[in-house]
Amino acid sequence: MQITNRVAMMSSTALLLVQALAITAQSQPAPEVAIDRMFRYESSSTSRQGRDLLISFKKWMETYQRIRTDGNNYEAIFDGGSLPIEAKFKANGSIESLNFGCPISKSLSINDAPEDLRKALSKCAGFKS
């Protein structure tokens, strides 16, 4: 009888640990998942200026597809091109800061970009107006 109780206690303890790990994993998504969510859903945790910038990029670069990752380098892939991203994360896995590089595209024109992006894009070699 004692062996059965020990096995039951060990099983329930193991189950609780697995559940705790699952909850922790859910609260700390992989960096590419956090960035992907930011592009898929204009998060309320993003500042208004950040949301506006994301909306402008999505409007100009067409449909967002996915995040490509290479080590600590990230790239948002769109139908119209890609956008390099440098990201820093907090200990809890949430995004602390993002810096966007110059977009990469052979088909997009700075003249078609939303007005709020034109000034920033004018600094990118491939997007002179």
Protein backbone atom coordinates (compact mmCIF):
# COMPACT_ATOMS: atom_id res chain seq x y z
CA MET A 1 0.00 0.00 0.00
CA GLN A 2 2.83 2.43 0.81
CA ILE A 3 4.49 1.76 -2.56
CA THR A 4 1.23 2.59 -4.34
CA ASN A 5 0.93 5.87 -2.42
CA ARG A 6 4.54 6.80 -3.20
CA VAL A 7 4.02 6.08 -6.90
CA ALA A 8 0.83 8.15 -6.87
CA MET A 9 2.58 11.03 -5.09
CA MET A 10 5.55 10.91 -7.47
CA SER A 11 3.22 10.80 -10.47
CA SER A 12 1.19 13.76 -9.25
CA THR A 13 4.37 15.71 -8.42
CA ALA A 14 5.76 14.98 -11.89
CA LEU A 15 2.46 16.07 -13.44
CA LEU A 16 2.54 19.35 -11.49
CA LEU A 17 6.12 19.99 -12.63
CA VAL A 18 5.19 19.33 -16.26
CA GLN A 19 2.23 21.71 -15.95
CA ALA A 20 4.43 24.38 -14.35
CA LEU A 21 6.97 24.02 -17.18
CA ALA A 22 4.18 24.31 -19.75
CA ILE A 23 2.89 27.50 -18.12
CA THR A 24 6.44 28.92 -17.99
CA ALA A 25 6.98 28.04 -21.64
CA GLN A 26 3.72 29.79 -22.54
CA SER A 27 4.67 32.96 -20.67
CA GLN A 28 8.15 33.08 -22.23
CA PRO A 29 7.73 32.45 -25.95
CA ALA A 30 10.75 32.03 -28.18
CA PRO A 31 12.01 35.41 -29.44
CA GLU A 32 10.84 34.76 -33.01
CA VAL A 33 7.37 33.88 -31.70
CA ALA A 34 7.18 37.15 -29.75
CA ILE A 35 8.21 39.16 -32.83
CA ASP A 36 5.83 37.18 -35.05
CA ARG A 37 2.93 37.91 -32.70
CA MET A 38 3.79 41.59 -32.78
CA PHE A 39 3.50 41.65 -36.59
CA ARG A 40 0.38 39.47 -36.72
CA TYR A 41 -1.53 41.39 -34.06
CA GLU A 42 -0.86 45.03 -33.35
CA SER A 43 -0.48 44.37 -29.65
CA SER A 44 -1.91 46.67 -27.04
CA SER A 45 1.42 46.29 -25.23
CA THR A 46 3.11 48.08 -28.14
CA SER A 47 3.21 51.86 -27.94
CA ARG A 48 0.91 53.83 -30.21
CA GLN A 49 3.90 55.02 -32.22
CA GLY A 50 5.15 51.42 -32.49
CA ARG A 51 1.74 50.18 -33.65
CA ASP A 52 1.53 52.96 -36.24
CA LEU A 53 4.99 52.06 -37.55
CA LEU A 54 4.08 48.37 -37.79
CA ILE A 55 0.86 49.19 -39.61
CA SER A 56 2.78 51.42 -42.05
CA PHE A 57 5.34 48.70 -42.79
CA LYS A 58 2.60 46.12 -43.27
CA LYS A 59 0.66 48.43 -45.56
CA TRP A 60 3.70 49.24 -47.69
CA MET A 61 5.41 45.83 -47.74
CA GLU A 62 2.14 44.00 -48.34
CA THR A 63 1.03 40.84 -46.56
CA TYR A 64 3.15 39.73 -43.60
CA GLN A 65 4.24 36.09 -43.91
CA ARG A 66 6.59 35.01 -41.10
CA ILE A 67 9.76 35.66 -39.11
CA ARG A 68 13.02 34.14 -40.31
CA THR A 69 15.75 33.75 -37.72
CA ASP A 70 19.48 33.19 -37.94
CA GLY A 71 20.92 33.08 -34.44
CA ASN A 72 20.08 36.44 -32.86
CA ASN A 73 19.22 38.05 -36.20
CA TYR A 74 15.58 38.29 -37.23
CA GLU A 75 13.90 39.18 -40.49
CA ALA A 76 10.20 39.83 -41.08
CA ILE A 77 9.17 38.34 -44.42
CA PHE A 78 6.44 40.08 -46.43
CA ASP A 79 5.04 39.53 -49.92
CA GLY A 80 6.89 42.67 -51.06
CA GLY A 81 10.26 42.04 -49.38
CA SER A 82 11.84 41.64 -45.97
CA LEU A 83 12.69 43.78 -42.98
CA PRO A 84 15.81 43.10 -40.84
CA ILE A 85 15.14 43.40 -37.10
CA GLU A 86 17.43 43.77 -34.12
CA ALA A 87 15.59 42.83 -30.94
CA LYS A 88 16.38 42.90 -27.23
CA PHE A 89 14.30 40.90 -24.78
CA LYS A 90 13.47 41.19 -21.09
CA ALA A 91 14.12 38.28 -18.72
CA ASN A 92 10.44 37.27 -18.95
CA GLY A 93 10.70 36.86 -22.75
CA SER A 94 8.80 40.02 -23.69
CA ILE A 95 10.25 42.45 -26.20
CA GLU A 96 12.27 45.26 -24.63
CA SER A 97 13.25 47.10 -27.81
CA LEU A 98 13.24 46.70 -31.58
CA ASN A 99 15.34 48.37 -34.22
CA PHE A 100 14.41 47.97 -37.85
CA GLY A 101 17.08 47.84 -40.54
CA CYS A 102 16.62 48.98 -44.11
CA PRO A 103 13.97 46.95 -45.94
CA ILE A 104 15.10 44.61 -48.70
CA SER A 105 13.01 44.60 -51.87
CA LYS A 106 13.43 44.81 -55.62
CA SER A 107 9.88 45.90 -56.29
CA LEU A 108 8.98 48.45 -53.61
CA SER A 109 9.35 52.18 -54.22
CA ILE A 110 9.83 54.84 -51.57
CA ASN A 111 7.15 56.85 -53.39
CA ASP A 112 4.62 54.12 -52.54
CA ALA A 113 5.56 54.07 -48.85
CA PRO A 114 3.28 55.72 -46.31
CA GLU A 115 4.38 59.27 -45.60
CA ASP A 116 5.59 58.48 -42.07
CA LEU A 117 8.10 55.94 -43.48
CA ARG A 118 9.50 58.04 -46.33
CA LYS A 119 11.90 60.07 -44.17
CA ALA A 120 13.37 56.96 -42.53
CA LEU A 121 13.57 55.13 -45.85
CA SER A 122 15.41 58.00 -47.49
CA LYS A 123 18.43 57.00 -45.33
CA CYS A 124 18.43 53.51 -46.88
CA ALA A 125 20.66 53.15 -49.94
CA GLY A 126 18.14 51.09 -51.90
CA PHE A 127 15.29 53.55 -51.42
CA LYS A 128 16.35 56.96 -52.68
CA SER A 129 13.47 59.01 -54.00
